[in-house]
C-alpha atoms as a PDB file:
ATOM      1  CA  GLY A   1     -39.713  64.412  26.403  1.00  0.00           C
ATOM      2  CA  ALA A   2     -39.023  65.628  29.818  1.00  0.00           C
ATOM      3  CA  PHE A   3     -37.903  63.334  32.627  1.00  0.00           C
ATOM      4  CA  ALA A   4     -40.638  61.247  34.239  1.00  0.00           C
ATOM      5  CA  LEU A   5     -40.726  58.275  36.563  1.00  0.00           C
ATOM      6  CA  GLY A   6     -41.073  54.924  34.817  1.00  0.00           C
ATOM      7  CA  GLU A   7     -44.462  53.412  34.861  1.00  0.00           C
ATOM      8  CA  SER A   8     -43.139  50.352  37.053  1.00  0.00           C
ATOM      9  CA  CYS A   9     -41.800  52.665  39.650  1.00  0.00           C
ATOM     10  CA  LEU A  10     -45.214  54.758  39.926  1.00  0.00           C
ATOM     11  CA  VAL A  11     -47.200  51.411  40.110  1.00  0.00           C
ATOM     12  CA  GLN A  12     -44.722  50.187  42.930  1.00  0.00           C
ATOM     13  CA  LEU A  13     -45.375  53.724  44.824  1.00  0.00           C
ATOM     14  CA  VAL A  14     -48.912  53.527  44.466  1.00  0.00           C
ATOM     15  CA  GLN A  15     -49.172  49.992  45.562  1.00  0.00           C
ATOM     16  CA  GLY A  16     -47.282  51.208  48.725  1.00  0.00           C
ATOM     17  CA  ARG A  17     -44.196  49.203  47.763  1.00  0.00           C
ATOM     18  CA  ARG A  18     -40.985  50.526  49.338  1.00  0.00           C
ATOM     19  CA  LEU A  19     -38.031  51.011  46.950  1.00  0.00           C
ATOM     20  CA  PRO A  20     -34.261  50.439  47.856  1.00  0.00           C
ATOM     21  CA  PRO A  21     -31.807  53.486  48.296  1.00  0.00           C
ATOM     22  CA  VAL A  22     -30.114  54.012  45.008  1.00  0.00           C
ATOM     23  CA  SER A  23     -26.370  55.139  44.973  1.00  0.00           C
ATOM     24  CA  PRO A  24     -25.411  58.368  43.114  1.00  0.00           C
ATOM     25  CA  ALA A  25     -23.620  56.208  40.329  1.00  0.00           C
ATOM     26  CA  GLU A  26     -26.753  54.233  39.784  1.00  0.00           C
ATOM     27  CA  MET A  27     -28.844  57.284  39.524  1.00  0.00           C
ATOM     28  CA  GLU A  28     -26.374  58.705  37.151  1.00  0.00           C
ATOM     29  CA  HIS A  29     -26.797  55.442  35.154  1.00  0.00           C
ATOM     30  CA  GLU A  30     -30.459  55.832  35.313  1.00  0.00           C
ATOM     31  CA  LEU A  31     -30.581  59.407  34.113  1.00  0.00           C
ATOM     32  CA  ALA A  32     -28.251  58.634  31.152  1.00  0.00           C
ATOM     33  CA  ASN A  33     -31.168  57.493  29.209  1.00  0.00           C
ATOM     34  CA  LYS A  34     -33.620  60.080  30.203  1.00  0.00           C
ATOM     35  CA  ALA A  35     -34.442  63.141  28.249  1.00  0.00           C
ATOM     36  CA  PHE A  36     -34.683  66.681  29.742  1.00  0.00           C
ATOM     37  CA  SER A  37     -36.260  69.637  28.194  1.00  0.00           C
ATOM     38  CA  ASN A  38     -33.099  71.561  29.347  1.00  0.00           C
ATOM     39  CA  ALA A  39     -29.931  69.371  28.789  1.00  0.00           C
ATOM     40  CA  ALA A  40     -28.142  71.186  31.707  1.00  0.00           C
ATOM     41  CA  ASP A  41     -30.978  69.888  34.182  1.00  0.00           C
ATOM     42  CA  LYS A  42     -29.741  66.511  34.112  1.00  0.00           C
ATOM     43  CA  ALA A  43     -26.344  67.535  35.702  1.00  0.00           C
ATOM     44  CA  ILE A  44     -28.328  69.725  38.071  1.00  0.00           C
ATOM     45  CA  CYS A  45     -30.678  66.818  39.097  1.00  0.00           C
ATOM     46  CA  LEU A  46     -27.624  64.291  39.719  1.00  0.00           C
ATOM     47  CA  LYS A  47     -25.785  67.099  41.658  1.00  0.00           C
ATOM     48  CA  MET A  48     -28.855  67.514  43.921  1.00  0.00           C
ATOM     49  CA  TYR A  49     -29.618  63.686  44.372  1.00  0.00           C
ATOM     50  CA  ARG A  50     -25.818  63.242  45.242  1.00  0.00           C
ATOM     51  CA  GLU A  51     -26.104  65.952  47.932  1.00  0.00           C
ATOM     52  CA  VAL A  52     -29.350  64.673  49.352  1.00  0.00           C
ATOM     53  CA  ALA A  53     -28.152  61.129  49.421  1.00  0.00           C
ATOM     54  CA  VAL A  54     -24.953  61.802  50.963  1.00  0.00           C
ATOM     55  CA  GLU A  55     -26.623  64.002  53.666  1.00  0.00           C
ATOM     56  CA  VAL A  56     -29.431  61.495  54.423  1.00  0.00           C
ATOM     57  CA  LEU A  57     -27.734  58.234  54.157  1.00  0.00           C
ATOM     58  CA  GLY A  58     -24.334  59.577  55.775  1.00  0.00           C
ATOM     59  CA  LYS A  59     -26.153  60.439  59.007  1.00  0.00           C
ATOM     60  CA  GLU A  60     -28.463  57.270  59.451  1.00  0.00           C
ATOM     61  CA  GLU A  61     -27.441  54.948  62.125  1.00  0.00           C
ATOM     62  CA  VAL A  62     -30.311  52.424  61.500  1.00  0.00           C
ATOM     63  CA  LEU A  63     -31.551  51.489  58.209  1.00  0.00           C
ATOM     64  CA  ASP A  64     -34.751  49.288  58.776  1.00  0.00           C
ATOM     65  CA  PHE A  65     -36.216  47.703  55.946  1.00  0.00           C
ATOM     66  CA  ASP A  66     -37.909  44.804  58.046  1.00  0.00           C
ATOM     67  CA  GLY A  67     -40.676  43.306  56.286  1.00  0.00           C
ATOM     68  CA  VAL A  68     -40.102  44.823  52.739  1.00  0.00           C
ATOM     69  CA  SER A  69     -40.996  41.893  50.669  1.00  0.00           C
ATOM     70  CA  HIS A  70     -39.848  40.694  47.354  1.00  0.00           C
ATOM     71  CA  TRP A  71     -36.889  42.786  46.661  1.00  0.00           C
ATOM     72  CA  SER A  72     -35.075  41.403  43.612  1.00  0.00           C
ATOM     73  CA  VAL A  73     -31.400  40.580  43.162  1.00  0.00           C
ATOM     74  CA  THR A  74     -31.156  43.996  41.456  1.00  0.00           C
ATOM     75  CA  GLU A  75     -32.756  45.910  44.274  1.00  0.00           C
ATOM     76  CA  LEU A  76     -30.328  44.235  46.939  1.00  0.00           C
ATOM     77  CA  ARG A  77     -27.583  45.277  44.582  1.00  0.00           C
ATOM     78  CA  SER A  78     -28.931  48.917  44.972  1.00  0.00           C
ATOM     79  CA  VAL A  79     -28.854  48.463  48.671  1.00  0.00           C
ATOM     80  CA  GLY A  80     -25.360  47.166  48.660  1.00  0.00           C
ATOM     81  CA  GLY A  81     -24.137  50.025  46.371  1.00  0.00           C
ATOM     82  CA  ALA A  82     -25.655  52.508  48.652  1.00  0.00           C
ATOM     83  CA  MET A  83     -23.695  51.502  51.619  1.00  0.00           C
ATOM     84  CA  VAL A  84     -20.708  53.441  50.489  1.00  0.00           C
ATOM     85  CA  LEU A  85     -22.650  56.563  51.601  1.00  0.00           C
ATOM     86  CA  CYS A  86     -23.583  55.304  55.245  1.00  0.00           C
ATOM     87  CA  GLY A  87     -20.712  56.436  57.146  1.00  0.00           C
ATOM     88  CA  SER A  88     -22.468  56.419  60.608  1.00  0.00           C
ATOM     89  CA  LEU A  89     -24.447  53.120  59.803  1.00  0.00           C
ATOM     90  CA  ARG A  90     -24.443  50.809  62.780  1.00  0.00           C
ATOM     91  CA  LEU A  91     -27.439  48.574  62.139  1.00  0.00           C
ATOM     92  CA  LEU A  92     -29.074  47.363  58.762  1.00  0.00           C
ATOM     93  CA  LYS A  93     -32.289  45.494  59.232  1.00  0.00           C
ATOM     94  CA  LEU A  94     -33.381  43.142  56.347  1.00  0.00           C
ATOM     95  CA  ASN A  95     -35.505  40.667  58.551  1.00  0.00           C
ATOM     96  CA  HIS A  96     -38.465  38.850  56.962  1.00  0.00           C
ATOM     97  CA  CYS A  97     -37.899  40.299  53.517  1.00  0.00           C
ATOM     98  CA  GLU A  98     -38.437  37.322  51.734  1.00  0.00           C
ATOM     99  CA  ILE A  99     -34.949  37.353  50.239  1.00  0.00           C
ATOM    100  CA  GLY A 100     -32.582  34.388  49.691  1.00  0.00           C
ATOM    101  CA  SER A 101     -29.065  33.692  49.152  1.00  0.00           C
ATOM    102  CA  ALA A 102     -28.788  35.004  45.597  1.00  0.00           C
ATOM    103  CA  GLU A 103     -30.206  38.408  46.956  1.00  0.00           C
ATOM    104  CA  ILE A 104     -27.722  38.647  49.868  1.00  0.00           C
ATOM    105  CA  ALA A 105     -24.850  37.481  47.462  1.00  0.00           C
ATOM    106  CA  ALA A 106     -25.745  40.491  45.163  1.00  0.00           C
ATOM    107  CA  PHE A 107     -25.849  42.725  48.176  1.00  0.00           C
ATOM    108  CA  ALA A 108     -22.419  41.551  49.468  1.00  0.00           C
ATOM    109  CA  GLU A 109     -20.852  41.883  45.768  1.00  0.00           C
ATOM    110  CA  GLU A 110     -21.742  45.483  45.706  1.00  0.00           C
ATOM    111  CA  LEU A 111     -20.032  46.333  49.018  1.00  0.00           C
ATOM    112  CA  LYS A 112     -17.077  48.493  48.414  1.00  0.00           C
ATOM    113  CA  ASP A 113     -13.979  49.031  50.632  1.00  0.00           C
ATOM    114  CA  GLY A 114     -14.954  51.464  53.284  1.00  0.00           C
ATOM    115  CA  ALA A 115     -18.679  50.861  52.860  1.00  0.00           C
ATOM    116  CA  ALA A 116     -20.591  51.521  56.026  1.00  0.00           C
ATOM    117  CA  PRO A 117     -17.383  51.588  58.231  1.00  0.00           C
ATOM    118  CA  GLU A 118     -19.354  51.810  61.440  1.00  0.00           C
ATOM    119  CA  LEU A 119     -21.739  48.627  60.742  1.00  0.00           C
ATOM    120  CA  GLU A 120     -21.796  46.505  63.736  1.00  0.00           C
ATOM    121  CA  GLU A 121     -24.818  44.289  62.808  1.00  0.00           C
ATOM    122  CA  LEU A 122     -26.648  43.034  59.796  1.00  0.00           C
ATOM    123  CA  GLU A 123     -30.058  41.334  60.653  1.00  0.00           C
ATOM    124  CA  ILE A 124     -31.592  38.970  58.115  1.00  0.00           C
ATOM    125  CA  ARG A 125     -33.772  36.773  60.330  1.00  0.00           C
ATOM    126  CA  GLY A 126     -36.894  35.177  58.709  1.00  0.00           C
ATOM    127  CA  ASN A 127     -35.346  34.917  55.221  1.00  0.00           C
ATOM    128  CA  GLU A 128     -34.448  31.932  53.164  1.00  0.00           C
ATOM    129  CA  VAL A 129     -30.575  32.438  53.382  1.00  0.00           C
ATOM    130  CA  GLY A 130     -28.422  29.589  53.883  1.00  0.00           C
END
């Protein structure tokens, strides 16, 4: 069948749940198991995603995820993986997100050399980290 968002993704969007940014490498992994009516569309989709992700995340100086609740270890890993695209990021806000040490550790594990080189401040107030 043609590419479609997974049911869990649609349910989260309908419920107003904010999803984390996804790196192009993670998107490529997600698309690997998707079927397209035209096989060439997979490469085009990935190319377009990569261009948009680089353009959008590369210019942001502040990413504010304050109050986004119940992000899992996997979702915080996604945020960490996307940081390599954040060349202008100065402030990352993860306050009051109901995350703990395991989620922060997963985020940190994904940080690559050169990720968010301008990052000056990471806010994690109001979480269960420690």
